[in-house]
């Protein structure tokens, strides 16, 4: 645990209750248990979950995301799942992101723009920078009007 007092944490964060994980327990275990309790209270199954956001700075591992592990543990096969690593503000960011997903209609189409990778052409160092600069001056990197910078 953090070397501080309960009063210090409560006065600065509003957090009044904390839990310690067992040595063999990971973030995905705690999140899955909490999700299962919430699903039971709401009367929904994993198949009815559309989105899983895990806001944590202590993921189980870098890859796959902890949210994907939770997805598997609760049987949410159709849910999008990702981690949000933003420390204390992650909870608020996660709520905002979830709200945006809920308020937006489901995505039915997606577009992908191809990018160029210069290192595959053997360019490195100053030669790489010169090639990028020449291509930029010629307009090779200009975005079409509807590309939103992608």
N, C-alpha and C. Protein backbone atom coordinates (compact mmCIF):
# COMPACT_ATOMS: atom_id res chain seq x y z
N UNK A 1 0.84 -1.19 0.00
CA UNK A 1 0.00 0.00 0.00
C UNK A 1 0.88 1.24 0.00
N UNK A 2 0.25 2.35 -0.25
CA UNK A 2 0.94 3.64 -0.27
C UNK A 2 1.29 4.04 1.15
N UNK A 3 2.50 4.58 1.35
CA UNK A 3 2.94 5.01 2.67
C UNK A 3 2.31 6.36 3.00
N UNK A 4 1.09 6.31 3.51
CA UNK A 4 0.35 7.52 3.86
C UNK A 4 -0.73 7.13 4.88
N UNK A 5 -1.58 8.08 5.21
CA UNK A 5 -2.65 7.79 6.17
C UNK A 5 -4.00 7.79 5.46
N UNK A 6 -4.97 7.17 6.11
CA UNK A 6 -6.33 7.18 5.55
C UNK A 6 -6.85 8.60 5.45
N UNK A 7 -6.56 9.43 6.44
CA UNK A 7 -7.03 10.82 6.43
C UNK A 7 -6.46 11.57 5.23
N UNK A 8 -5.18 11.39 4.93
CA UNK A 8 -4.54 12.07 3.81
C UNK A 8 -5.22 11.67 2.50
N UNK A 9 -5.45 10.38 2.30
CA UNK A 9 -6.07 9.89 1.06
C UNK A 9 -7.51 10.38 0.96
N UNK A 10 -8.28 10.26 2.03
CA UNK A 10 -9.68 10.68 2.01
C UNK A 10 -9.82 12.17 1.74
N UNK A 11 -8.99 12.98 2.39
CA UNK A 11 -9.11 14.43 2.21
C UNK A 11 -8.72 14.89 0.81
N UNK A 12 -7.86 14.17 0.12
CA UNK A 12 -7.39 14.58 -1.20
C UNK A 12 -8.11 13.90 -2.36
N UNK A 13 -8.65 12.72 -2.13
CA UNK A 13 -9.27 11.97 -3.24
C UNK A 13 -10.73 11.64 -3.01
N UNK A 14 -11.17 11.65 -1.77
CA UNK A 14 -12.52 11.25 -1.46
C UNK A 14 -12.68 9.74 -1.32
N UNK A 15 -11.60 9.00 -1.54
CA UNK A 15 -11.64 7.54 -1.41
C UNK A 15 -11.68 7.18 0.06
N UNK A 16 -12.71 6.44 0.45
CA UNK A 16 -12.86 6.06 1.86
C UNK A 16 -12.59 4.59 2.11
N UNK A 17 -12.56 3.81 1.05
CA UNK A 17 -12.42 2.38 1.20
C UNK A 17 -11.41 1.85 0.18
N UNK A 18 -10.51 1.00 0.64
CA UNK A 18 -9.52 0.40 -0.25
C UNK A 18 -9.48 -1.10 -0.02
N UNK A 19 -9.01 -1.82 -1.01
CA UNK A 19 -8.90 -3.28 -0.92
C UNK A 19 -7.47 -3.70 -1.22
N UNK A 20 -7.06 -4.77 -0.59
CA UNK A 20 -5.77 -5.38 -0.90
C UNK A 20 -6.01 -6.68 -1.63
N UNK A 21 -5.31 -6.86 -2.74
CA UNK A 21 -5.43 -8.10 -3.49
C UNK A 21 -4.57 -9.18 -2.83
N UNK A 22 -5.03 -10.41 -2.94
CA UNK A 22 -4.22 -11.54 -2.47
C UNK A 22 -3.01 -11.68 -3.39
N UNK A 23 -2.01 -12.39 -2.96
CA UNK A 23 -0.78 -12.54 -3.75
C UNK A 23 -1.04 -13.16 -5.12
N UNK A 24 -2.05 -14.01 -5.21
CA UNK A 24 -2.35 -14.68 -6.48
C UNK A 24 -3.53 -14.04 -7.21
N UNK A 25 -3.89 -12.81 -6.84
CA UNK A 25 -5.03 -12.11 -7.41
C UNK A 25 -4.55 -10.91 -8.21
N UNK A 26 -5.13 -10.71 -9.41
CA UNK A 26 -4.70 -9.64 -10.29
C UNK A 26 -5.83 -8.67 -10.55
N UNK A 27 -5.52 -7.57 -11.21
CA UNK A 27 -6.52 -6.55 -11.51
C UNK A 27 -7.71 -7.14 -12.26
N UNK A 28 -7.45 -8.01 -13.23
CA UNK A 28 -8.56 -8.60 -14.00
C UNK A 28 -9.46 -9.45 -13.10
N UNK A 29 -8.90 -10.10 -12.09
CA UNK A 29 -9.71 -10.90 -11.16
C UNK A 29 -10.66 -10.00 -10.38
N UNK A 30 -10.12 -8.90 -9.85
CA UNK A 30 -10.94 -7.97 -9.07
C UNK A 30 -12.00 -7.33 -9.95
N UNK A 31 -11.61 -6.92 -11.17
CA UNK A 31 -12.56 -6.27 -12.09
C UNK A 31 -13.65 -7.24 -12.53
N UNK A 32 -13.29 -8.49 -12.79
CA UNK A 32 -14.28 -9.49 -13.20
C UNK A 32 -15.28 -9.76 -12.07
N UNK A 33 -14.79 -9.85 -10.84
CA UNK A 33 -15.70 -10.07 -9.70
C UNK A 33 -16.67 -8.89 -9.55
N UNK A 34 -16.13 -7.67 -9.68
CA UNK A 34 -16.99 -6.48 -9.57
C UNK A 34 -18.00 -6.45 -10.71
N UNK A 35 -17.56 -6.80 -11.92
CA UNK A 35 -18.46 -6.81 -13.07
C UNK A 35 -19.56 -7.85 -12.90
N UNK A 36 -19.20 -9.02 -12.39
CA UNK A 36 -20.20 -10.07 -12.18
C UNK A 36 -21.23 -9.65 -11.14
N UNK A 37 -20.80 -8.97 -10.07
CA UNK A 37 -21.75 -8.47 -9.07
C UNK A 37 -22.68 -7.43 -9.70
N UNK A 38 -22.10 -6.51 -10.49
CA UNK A 38 -22.90 -5.45 -11.13
C UNK A 38 -23.88 -6.05 -12.14
N UNK A 39 -23.42 -7.04 -12.91
CA UNK A 39 -24.30 -7.69 -13.89
C UNK A 39 -25.46 -8.40 -13.21
N UNK A 40 -25.18 -9.05 -12.08
CA UNK A 40 -26.23 -9.74 -11.33
C UNK A 40 -27.25 -8.74 -10.82
N UNK A 41 -26.77 -7.61 -10.27
CA UNK A 41 -27.68 -6.58 -9.76
C UNK A 41 -28.53 -5.98 -10.88
N UNK A 42 -27.94 -5.84 -12.08
CA UNK A 42 -28.65 -5.24 -13.21
C UNK A 42 -29.48 -6.26 -13.98
N UNK A 43 -29.28 -7.55 -13.70
CA UNK A 43 -30.02 -8.59 -14.40
C UNK A 43 -29.60 -8.76 -15.85
N UNK A 44 -28.31 -8.59 -16.13
CA UNK A 44 -27.80 -8.76 -17.50
C UNK A 44 -26.74 -9.86 -17.51
N UNK A 45 -26.49 -10.37 -18.70
CA UNK A 45 -25.46 -11.39 -18.89
C UNK A 45 -24.27 -10.79 -19.62
N UNK A 46 -23.18 -11.52 -19.66
CA UNK A 46 -22.00 -11.07 -20.39
C UNK A 46 -22.29 -10.82 -21.86
N UNK A 47 -23.17 -11.62 -22.44
CA UNK A 47 -23.53 -11.46 -23.86
C UNK A 47 -24.20 -10.12 -24.13
N UNK A 48 -24.75 -9.49 -23.11
CA UNK A 48 -25.44 -8.21 -23.28
C UNK A 48 -24.53 -7.01 -23.08
N UNK A 49 -23.30 -7.24 -22.73
CA UNK A 49 -22.34 -6.14 -22.50
C UNK A 49 -21.74 -5.73 -23.84
N UNK A 50 -21.72 -4.42 -24.12
CA UNK A 50 -21.19 -3.90 -25.38
C UNK A 50 -19.78 -3.35 -25.26
N UNK A 51 -19.40 -2.89 -24.08
CA UNK A 51 -18.13 -2.19 -23.93
C UNK A 51 -17.55 -2.45 -22.55
N UNK A 52 -16.25 -2.72 -22.51
CA UNK A 52 -15.54 -2.88 -21.24
C UNK A 52 -14.34 -1.94 -21.26
N UNK A 53 -14.31 -1.03 -20.31
CA UNK A 53 -13.18 -0.13 -20.14
C UNK A 53 -12.60 -0.41 -18.77
N UNK A 54 -11.33 -0.75 -18.70
CA UNK A 54 -10.66 -0.94 -17.42
C UNK A 54 -9.71 0.23 -17.23
N UNK A 55 -10.03 1.08 -16.26
CA UNK A 55 -9.19 2.23 -15.94
C UNK A 55 -8.26 1.81 -14.81
N UNK A 56 -6.99 1.64 -15.12
CA UNK A 56 -6.03 1.15 -14.13
C UNK A 56 -4.62 1.60 -14.48
N UNK A 57 -3.78 1.69 -13.48
CA UNK A 57 -2.34 1.85 -13.74
C UNK A 57 -1.60 0.60 -13.29
N UNK A 58 -2.38 -0.44 -12.96
CA UNK A 58 -1.77 -1.72 -12.58
C UNK A 58 -2.38 -2.85 -13.42
N UNK A 59 -2.13 -2.83 -14.74
CA UNK A 59 -2.68 -3.91 -15.58
C UNK A 59 -2.04 -5.24 -15.22
N UNK A 60 -2.72 -6.32 -15.57
CA UNK A 60 -2.15 -7.65 -15.34
C UNK A 60 -0.83 -7.81 -16.10
N UNK A 61 -0.80 -7.30 -17.31
CA UNK A 61 0.36 -7.40 -18.20
C UNK A 61 0.17 -6.38 -19.31
N UNK A 62 1.24 -6.08 -20.06
CA UNK A 62 1.08 -5.10 -21.14
C UNK A 62 0.15 -5.57 -22.26
N UNK A 63 0.14 -6.85 -22.55
CA UNK A 63 -0.66 -7.37 -23.64
C UNK A 63 -1.03 -8.80 -23.34
N UNK A 64 -2.24 -9.23 -23.48
CA UNK A 64 -3.41 -8.46 -23.90
C UNK A 64 -3.87 -7.51 -22.79
N UNK A 65 -4.74 -6.60 -23.16
CA UNK A 65 -5.21 -5.64 -22.17
C UNK A 65 -5.98 -6.35 -21.06
N UNK A 66 -5.99 -5.74 -19.90
CA UNK A 66 -6.73 -6.29 -18.77
C UNK A 66 -8.22 -6.36 -19.10
N UNK A 67 -8.71 -5.39 -19.86
CA UNK A 67 -10.12 -5.40 -20.26
C UNK A 67 -10.45 -6.65 -21.08
N UNK A 68 -9.53 -7.08 -21.92
CA UNK A 68 -9.76 -8.31 -22.70
C UNK A 68 -9.79 -9.54 -21.79
N UNK A 69 -8.99 -9.53 -20.75
CA UNK A 69 -9.02 -10.64 -19.79
C UNK A 69 -10.35 -10.65 -19.04
N UNK A 70 -10.84 -9.46 -18.66
CA UNK A 70 -12.14 -9.36 -18.00
C UNK A 70 -13.23 -9.82 -18.96
N UNK A 71 -13.12 -9.40 -20.21
CA UNK A 71 -14.09 -9.79 -21.23
C UNK A 71 -14.24 -11.31 -21.28
N UNK A 72 -13.13 -12.02 -21.26
CA UNK A 72 -13.14 -13.47 -21.30
C UNK A 72 -13.74 -14.04 -20.01
N UNK A 73 -13.37 -13.46 -18.88
CA UNK A 73 -13.81 -13.99 -17.59
C UNK A 73 -15.31 -13.83 -17.36
N UNK A 74 -15.92 -12.79 -17.94
CA UNK A 74 -17.36 -12.57 -17.72
C UNK A 74 -18.20 -13.02 -18.92
N UNK A 75 -17.55 -13.55 -19.94
CA UNK A 75 -18.29 -14.07 -21.10
C UNK A 75 -18.90 -13.00 -21.98
N UNK A 76 -18.24 -11.86 -22.07
CA UNK A 76 -18.74 -10.75 -22.90
C UNK A 76 -18.10 -10.83 -24.29
N UNK A 77 -18.45 -11.86 -25.03
CA UNK A 77 -17.79 -12.16 -26.31
C UNK A 77 -17.96 -11.08 -27.37
N UNK A 78 -19.03 -10.29 -27.29
CA UNK A 78 -19.30 -9.29 -28.32
C UNK A 78 -18.83 -7.89 -27.92
N UNK A 79 -18.31 -7.74 -26.72
CA UNK A 79 -17.95 -6.42 -26.21
C UNK A 79 -16.62 -5.92 -26.75
N UNK A 80 -16.56 -4.64 -27.05
CA UNK A 80 -15.28 -3.99 -27.29
C UNK A 80 -14.61 -3.86 -25.93
N UNK A 81 -13.29 -3.98 -25.88
CA UNK A 81 -12.61 -3.95 -24.59
C UNK A 81 -11.25 -3.29 -24.73
N UNK A 82 -10.96 -2.35 -23.84
CA UNK A 82 -9.64 -1.72 -23.84
C UNK A 82 -9.32 -1.16 -22.45
N UNK A 83 -8.03 -0.96 -22.21
CA UNK A 83 -7.57 -0.37 -20.96
C UNK A 83 -7.38 1.13 -21.14
N UNK A 84 -7.53 1.85 -20.05
CA UNK A 84 -7.29 3.27 -20.00
C UNK A 84 -6.34 3.52 -18.85
N UNK A 85 -5.11 3.85 -19.15
CA UNK A 85 -4.11 4.06 -18.11
C UNK A 85 -3.90 5.54 -17.89
N UNK A 86 -4.60 6.08 -16.89
CA UNK A 86 -4.53 7.50 -16.60
C UNK A 86 -4.57 7.78 -15.10
N UNK A 87 -4.07 6.87 -14.29
CA UNK A 87 -4.00 7.03 -12.83
C UNK A 87 -5.34 7.45 -12.25
N UNK A 88 -5.34 8.40 -11.34
CA UNK A 88 -6.56 8.77 -10.62
C UNK A 88 -7.65 9.31 -11.54
N UNK A 89 -7.29 10.05 -12.54
CA UNK A 89 -8.29 10.63 -13.44
C UNK A 89 -8.87 9.59 -14.39
N UNK A 90 -8.29 8.41 -14.46
CA UNK A 90 -8.76 7.37 -15.36
C UNK A 90 -10.22 7.01 -15.15
N UNK A 91 -10.68 7.03 -13.91
CA UNK A 91 -12.07 6.70 -13.63
C UNK A 91 -13.00 7.69 -14.31
N UNK A 92 -12.70 8.99 -14.17
CA UNK A 92 -13.54 10.03 -14.79
C UNK A 92 -13.44 9.94 -16.30
N UNK A 93 -12.22 9.77 -16.83
CA UNK A 93 -12.05 9.63 -18.29
C UNK A 93 -12.85 8.43 -18.79
N UNK A 94 -12.80 7.32 -18.07
CA UNK A 94 -13.53 6.13 -18.46
C UNK A 94 -15.04 6.37 -18.51
N UNK A 95 -15.56 7.10 -17.52
CA UNK A 95 -16.99 7.43 -17.53
C UNK A 95 -17.35 8.28 -18.74
N UNK A 96 -16.50 9.26 -19.05
CA UNK A 96 -16.76 10.13 -20.21
C UNK A 96 -16.71 9.34 -21.51
N UNK A 97 -15.73 8.47 -21.64
CA UNK A 97 -15.61 7.66 -22.86
C UNK A 97 -16.81 6.72 -22.98
N UNK A 98 -17.18 6.09 -21.89
CA UNK A 98 -18.33 5.19 -21.92
C UNK A 98 -19.60 5.95 -22.31
N UNK A 99 -19.76 7.16 -21.78
CA UNK A 99 -20.92 7.97 -22.13
C UNK A 99 -20.94 8.27 -23.62
N UNK A 100 -19.78 8.59 -24.19
CA UNK A 100 -19.73 8.87 -25.63
C UNK A 100 -20.12 7.65 -26.45
N UNK A 101 -19.67 6.47 -26.04
CA UNK A 101 -20.06 5.24 -26.74
C UNK A 101 -21.57 5.01 -26.63
N UNK A 102 -22.13 5.26 -25.45
CA UNK A 102 -23.56 5.03 -25.23
C UNK A 102 -24.39 6.03 -26.03
N UNK A 103 -23.96 7.28 -26.09
CA UNK A 103 -24.71 8.33 -26.77
C UNK A 103 -24.58 8.28 -28.29
N UNK A 104 -23.53 7.67 -28.79
CA UNK A 104 -23.29 7.61 -30.24
C UNK A 104 -23.95 6.37 -30.82
N UNK A 105 -24.45 6.50 -32.06
CA UNK A 105 -25.01 5.30 -32.69
C UNK A 105 -23.90 4.30 -32.98
N UNK A 106 -24.24 3.03 -33.06
CA UNK A 106 -23.20 2.03 -33.34
C UNK A 106 -22.52 2.31 -34.68
N UNK A 107 -21.25 2.07 -34.70
CA UNK A 107 -20.49 2.25 -35.93
C UNK A 107 -20.83 1.12 -36.88
N UNK A 108 -21.25 1.46 -38.07
CA UNK A 108 -21.58 0.43 -39.05
C UNK A 108 -20.56 0.37 -40.17
N UNK A 109 -19.74 1.41 -40.30
CA UNK A 109 -18.71 1.41 -41.32
C UNK A 109 -17.44 2.01 -40.74
N UNK A 110 -16.33 1.58 -41.25
CA UNK A 110 -15.04 2.15 -40.84
C UNK A 110 -14.19 2.31 -42.08
N UNK A 111 -13.34 3.29 -42.07
CA UNK A 111 -12.45 3.52 -43.21
C UNK A 111 -11.03 3.50 -42.72
N UNK A 112 -10.17 2.93 -43.49
CA UNK A 112 -8.76 2.85 -43.15
C UNK A 112 -7.95 3.51 -44.25
N UNK A 113 -7.05 4.38 -43.87
CA UNK A 113 -6.15 5.01 -44.84
C UNK A 113 -4.79 4.34 -44.73
N UNK A 114 -4.20 4.03 -45.88
CA UNK A 114 -2.89 3.40 -45.91
C UNK A 114 -1.82 4.44 -45.60
N UNK A 115 -0.82 4.03 -44.85
CA UNK A 115 0.30 4.91 -44.56
C UNK A 115 1.56 4.38 -45.21
N UNK A 116 2.57 5.21 -45.25
CA UNK A 116 3.85 4.82 -45.82
C UNK A 116 4.86 4.64 -44.70
N UNK A 117 5.67 3.61 -44.81
CA UNK A 117 6.71 3.35 -43.82
C UNK A 117 8.05 3.47 -44.51
N UNK A 118 8.79 4.49 -44.14
CA UNK A 118 10.05 4.77 -44.83
C UNK A 118 11.15 3.79 -44.49
N UNK A 119 11.17 3.26 -43.29
CA UNK A 119 12.30 2.40 -42.93
C UNK A 119 12.33 1.12 -43.76
N UNK A 120 11.22 0.75 -44.37
CA UNK A 120 11.23 -0.44 -45.24
C UNK A 120 12.01 -0.18 -46.51
N UNK A 121 12.24 1.07 -46.84
CA UNK A 121 12.99 1.41 -48.05
C UNK A 121 14.47 1.59 -47.75
N UNK A 122 14.89 1.27 -46.56
CA UNK A 122 16.30 1.37 -46.22
C UNK A 122 16.77 2.78 -45.92
N UNK A 123 15.87 3.70 -45.66
CA UNK A 123 16.26 5.07 -45.35
C UNK A 123 16.55 5.19 -43.87
N UNK A 124 17.60 5.90 -43.55
CA UNK A 124 17.95 6.11 -42.15
C UNK A 124 18.70 7.42 -42.01
N UNK A 125 18.69 7.97 -40.81
CA UNK A 125 19.47 9.17 -40.51
C UNK A 125 19.08 10.35 -41.38
N UNK A 126 20.09 11.18 -41.79
CA UNK A 126 19.81 12.40 -42.55
C UNK A 126 19.10 12.11 -43.88
N UNK A 127 19.41 10.97 -44.51
CA UNK A 127 18.76 10.63 -45.76
C UNK A 127 17.25 10.51 -45.56
N UNK A 128 16.87 9.93 -44.44
CA UNK A 128 15.45 9.76 -44.12
C UNK A 128 14.79 11.12 -43.98
N UNK A 129 15.40 12.02 -43.24
CA UNK A 129 14.83 13.34 -43.04
C UNK A 129 14.70 14.10 -44.35
N UNK A 130 15.73 14.01 -45.22
CA UNK A 130 15.67 14.69 -46.52
C UNK A 130 14.53 14.12 -47.36
N UNK A 131 14.37 12.80 -47.35
CA UNK A 131 13.30 12.17 -48.13
C UNK A 131 11.93 12.61 -47.63
N UNK A 132 11.78 12.66 -46.31
CA UNK A 132 10.51 13.11 -45.74
C UNK A 132 10.26 14.55 -46.12
N UNK A 133 11.28 15.41 -46.01
CA UNK A 133 11.11 16.83 -46.34
C UNK A 133 10.74 17.01 -47.80
N UNK A 134 11.42 16.27 -48.72
CA UNK A 134 11.10 16.38 -50.15
C UNK A 134 9.66 15.95 -50.40
N UNK A 135 9.25 14.86 -49.80
CA UNK A 135 7.89 14.36 -50.01
C UNK A 135 6.87 15.35 -49.44
N UNK A 136 7.21 15.96 -48.33
CA UNK A 136 6.29 16.93 -47.72
C UNK A 136 6.15 18.15 -48.62
N UNK A 137 7.27 18.65 -49.17
CA UNK A 137 7.22 19.82 -50.04
C UNK A 137 6.43 19.53 -51.31
N UNK A 138 6.49 18.28 -51.81
CA UNK A 138 5.75 17.90 -53.01
C UNK A 138 4.26 17.74 -52.71
N UNK A 139 3.90 17.65 -51.43
CA UNK A 139 2.50 17.49 -51.06
C UNK A 139 2.08 16.05 -50.87
N UNK A 140 3.04 15.12 -50.79
CA UNK A 140 2.68 13.71 -50.62
C UNK A 140 1.97 13.45 -49.29
N UNK A 141 2.16 14.32 -48.30
CA UNK A 141 1.55 14.10 -46.99
C UNK A 141 0.29 14.91 -46.79
N UNK A 142 -0.16 15.57 -47.82
CA UNK A 142 -1.38 16.38 -47.69
C UNK A 142 -2.57 15.46 -47.44
N UNK A 143 -3.46 15.88 -46.56
CA UNK A 143 -4.65 15.09 -46.23
C UNK A 143 -5.80 15.50 -47.12
N UNK A 144 -6.54 14.54 -47.66
CA UNK A 144 -7.75 14.88 -48.40
C UNK A 144 -8.71 15.61 -47.48
N UNK A 145 -9.63 16.43 -48.03
CA UNK A 145 -10.52 17.25 -47.21
C UNK A 145 -11.34 16.45 -46.19
N UNK A 146 -11.70 15.21 -46.48
CA UNK A 146 -12.56 14.46 -45.56
C UNK A 146 -11.79 13.48 -44.68
N UNK A 147 -10.47 13.63 -44.58
CA UNK A 147 -9.69 12.64 -43.86
C UNK A 147 -9.54 12.92 -42.38
N UNK A 148 -9.88 14.11 -41.91
CA UNK A 148 -9.75 14.48 -40.50
C UNK A 148 -8.35 14.28 -39.99
N UNK A 149 -7.36 14.45 -40.84
CA UNK A 149 -5.96 14.35 -40.42
C UNK A 149 -5.45 12.94 -40.33
N UNK A 150 -6.25 11.93 -40.69
CA UNK A 150 -5.80 10.54 -40.59
C UNK A 150 -5.16 10.10 -41.89
